[in-house]
C-alpha atoms as a PDB file:
ATOM      1  CA  MET A   1       2.014   9.425 -13.954  1.00  0.00           C
ATOM      2  CA  LYS A   2       3.212  12.459 -12.078  1.00  0.00           C
ATOM      3  CA  GLY A   3       3.546  12.356  -8.301  1.00  0.00           C
ATOM      4  CA  ILE A   4       1.216  14.084  -5.912  1.00  0.00           C
ATOM      5  CA  ALA A   5       1.923  14.440  -2.219  1.00  0.00           C
ATOM      6  CA  ALA A   6       0.865  16.436   0.787  1.00  0.00           C
ATOM      7  CA  VAL A   7       2.316  16.718   4.265  1.00  0.00           C
ATOM      8  CA  VAL A   8      -0.375  17.440   6.798  1.00  0.00           C
ATOM      9  CA  LYS A   9      -0.204  17.997  10.555  1.00  0.00           C
ATOM     10  CA  PRO A  10      -2.489  15.953  12.873  1.00  0.00           C
ATOM     11  CA  ASP A  11      -4.734  19.042  13.166  1.00  0.00           C
ATOM     12  CA  GLY A  12      -5.287  18.974   9.395  1.00  0.00           C
ATOM     13  CA  SER A  13      -3.177  22.023   8.542  1.00  0.00           C
ATOM     14  CA  MET A  14      -1.064  21.755   5.408  1.00  0.00           C
ATOM     15  CA  VAL A  15       2.713  21.846   5.798  1.00  0.00           C
ATOM     16  CA  ALA A  16       3.676  21.366   2.147  1.00  0.00           C
ATOM     17  CA  SER A  17       2.254  19.915  -1.080  1.00  0.00           C
ATOM     18  CA  TRP A  18       3.420  18.931  -4.549  1.00  0.00           C
ATOM     19  CA  GLY A  19       1.318  18.438  -7.665  1.00  0.00           C
ATOM     20  CA  ASP A  20      -2.407  19.058  -8.103  1.00  0.00           C
ATOM     21  CA  ILE A  21      -3.639  17.941  -4.690  1.00  0.00           C
ATOM     22  CA  ASP A  22      -7.133  19.299  -5.347  1.00  0.00           C
ATOM     23  CA  GLY A  23      -7.762  17.293  -8.509  1.00  0.00           C
ATOM     24  CA  PRO A  24      -9.837  14.083  -8.656  1.00  0.00           C
ATOM     25  CA  ARG A  25      -8.079  10.902  -7.517  1.00  0.00           C
ATOM     26  CA  ALA A  26      -8.865   7.233  -7.366  1.00  0.00           C
ATOM     27  CA  ALA A  27      -8.696   6.431  -3.654  1.00  0.00           C
ATOM     28  CA  ALA A  28      -7.724   2.818  -4.266  1.00  0.00           C
ATOM     29  CA  LEU A  29      -4.330   3.825  -5.681  1.00  0.00           C
ATOM     30  CA  GLY A  30      -3.034   4.736  -2.240  1.00  0.00           C
ATOM     31  CA  GLN A  31      -4.869   2.341   0.059  1.00  0.00           C
ATOM     32  CA  GLN A  32      -2.901  -0.874  -0.380  1.00  0.00           C
ATOM     33  CA  ALA A  33      -0.321  -0.047   2.285  1.00  0.00           C
ATOM     34  CA  ILE A  34      -2.999   1.038   4.737  1.00  0.00           C
ATOM     35  CA  GLN A  35      -4.961  -2.153   4.113  1.00  0.00           C
ATOM     36  CA  ALA A  36      -1.774  -4.224   4.493  1.00  0.00           C
ATOM     37  CA  MET A  37      -1.336  -2.838   8.026  1.00  0.00           C
ATOM     38  CA  ALA A  38      -4.173  -5.074   9.266  1.00  0.00           C
ATOM     39  CA  PHE A  39      -2.494  -8.059   7.567  1.00  0.00           C
ATOM     40  CA  VAL A  40       0.779  -7.335   9.383  1.00  0.00           C
ATOM     41  CA  GLU A  41      -0.734  -6.344  12.739  1.00  0.00           C
ATOM     42  CA  SER A  42      -2.941  -9.432  12.803  1.00  0.00           C
ATOM     43  CA  GLY A  43       0.163 -11.611  13.168  1.00  0.00           C
ATOM     44  CA  ALA A  44      -0.470 -13.322   9.812  1.00  0.00           C
ATOM     45  CA  VAL A  45       3.104 -12.733   8.633  1.00  0.00           C
ATOM     46  CA  GLU A  46       4.535 -14.700  11.555  1.00  0.00           C
ATOM     47  CA  ARG A  47       1.705 -17.233  11.701  1.00  0.00           C
ATOM     48  CA  PHE A  48       2.102 -18.298   8.071  1.00  0.00           C
ATOM     49  CA  GLY A  49       5.893 -17.902   7.901  1.00  0.00           C
ATOM     50  CA  LEU A  50       5.760 -15.064   5.398  1.00  0.00           C
ATOM     51  CA  ASP A  51       8.555 -12.600   4.647  1.00  0.00           C
ATOM     52  CA  ASP A  52       9.063  -9.003   3.580  1.00  0.00           C
ATOM     53  CA  SER A  53       8.347  -9.905  -0.072  1.00  0.00           C
ATOM     54  CA  HIS A  54       4.837 -10.982   0.893  1.00  0.00           C
ATOM     55  CA  VAL A  55       4.275  -7.728   2.769  1.00  0.00           C
ATOM     56  CA  ALA A  56       5.601  -5.759  -0.215  1.00  0.00           C
ATOM     57  CA  LEU A  57       3.205  -7.626  -2.492  1.00  0.00           C
ATOM     58  CA  ALA A  58       0.290  -6.828  -0.145  1.00  0.00           C
ATOM     59  CA  CYS A  59       1.245  -3.144  -0.341  1.00  0.00           C
ATOM     60  CA  ALA A  60       1.656  -3.143  -4.130  1.00  0.00           C
ATOM     61  CA  SER A  61      -0.722  -2.235  -6.901  1.00  0.00           C
ATOM     62  CA  HIS A  62      -0.920  -5.159  -9.269  1.00  0.00           C
ATOM     63  CA  ASN A  63      -3.371  -7.327 -11.207  1.00  0.00           C
ATOM     64  CA  GLY A  64      -2.487 -10.737  -9.824  1.00  0.00           C
ATOM     65  CA  GLU A  65      -0.150 -11.592 -12.696  1.00  0.00           C
ATOM     66  CA  PRO A  66       1.339 -15.133 -12.693  1.00  0.00           C
ATOM     67  CA  ARG A  67       4.534 -13.933 -10.990  1.00  0.00           C
ATOM     68  CA  HIS A  68       2.515 -12.501  -8.112  1.00  0.00           C
ATOM     69  CA  VAL A  69       0.460 -15.665  -7.759  1.00  0.00           C
ATOM     70  CA  ARG A  70       3.633 -17.813  -7.787  1.00  0.00           C
ATOM     71  CA  ARG A  71       5.025 -15.691  -4.959  1.00  0.00           C
ATOM     72  CA  CYS A  72       1.943 -16.278  -2.815  1.00  0.00           C
ATOM     73  CA  VAL A  73       1.055 -19.928  -3.579  1.00  0.00           C
ATOM     74  CA  ARG A  74       3.108 -22.565  -1.853  1.00  0.00           C
ATOM     75  CA  GLY A  75       3.259 -26.077  -3.324  1.00  0.00           C
END
């Protein structure tokens, strides 16, 4: 997969871009980190004694493979 990026000012004006920024995209591919912000800001990391690896997993795109489940499930 080739990278696509855009730098945009708060007013919406484009500063720079790379790749085909006007082509169709699957929104879900870039939303994990934004969704993980609520997880972090809620205090869940501290409340449940989680670490940076849990936050990284929340930000990642994955399919819940066994290694990801092992990281999240405590015995």
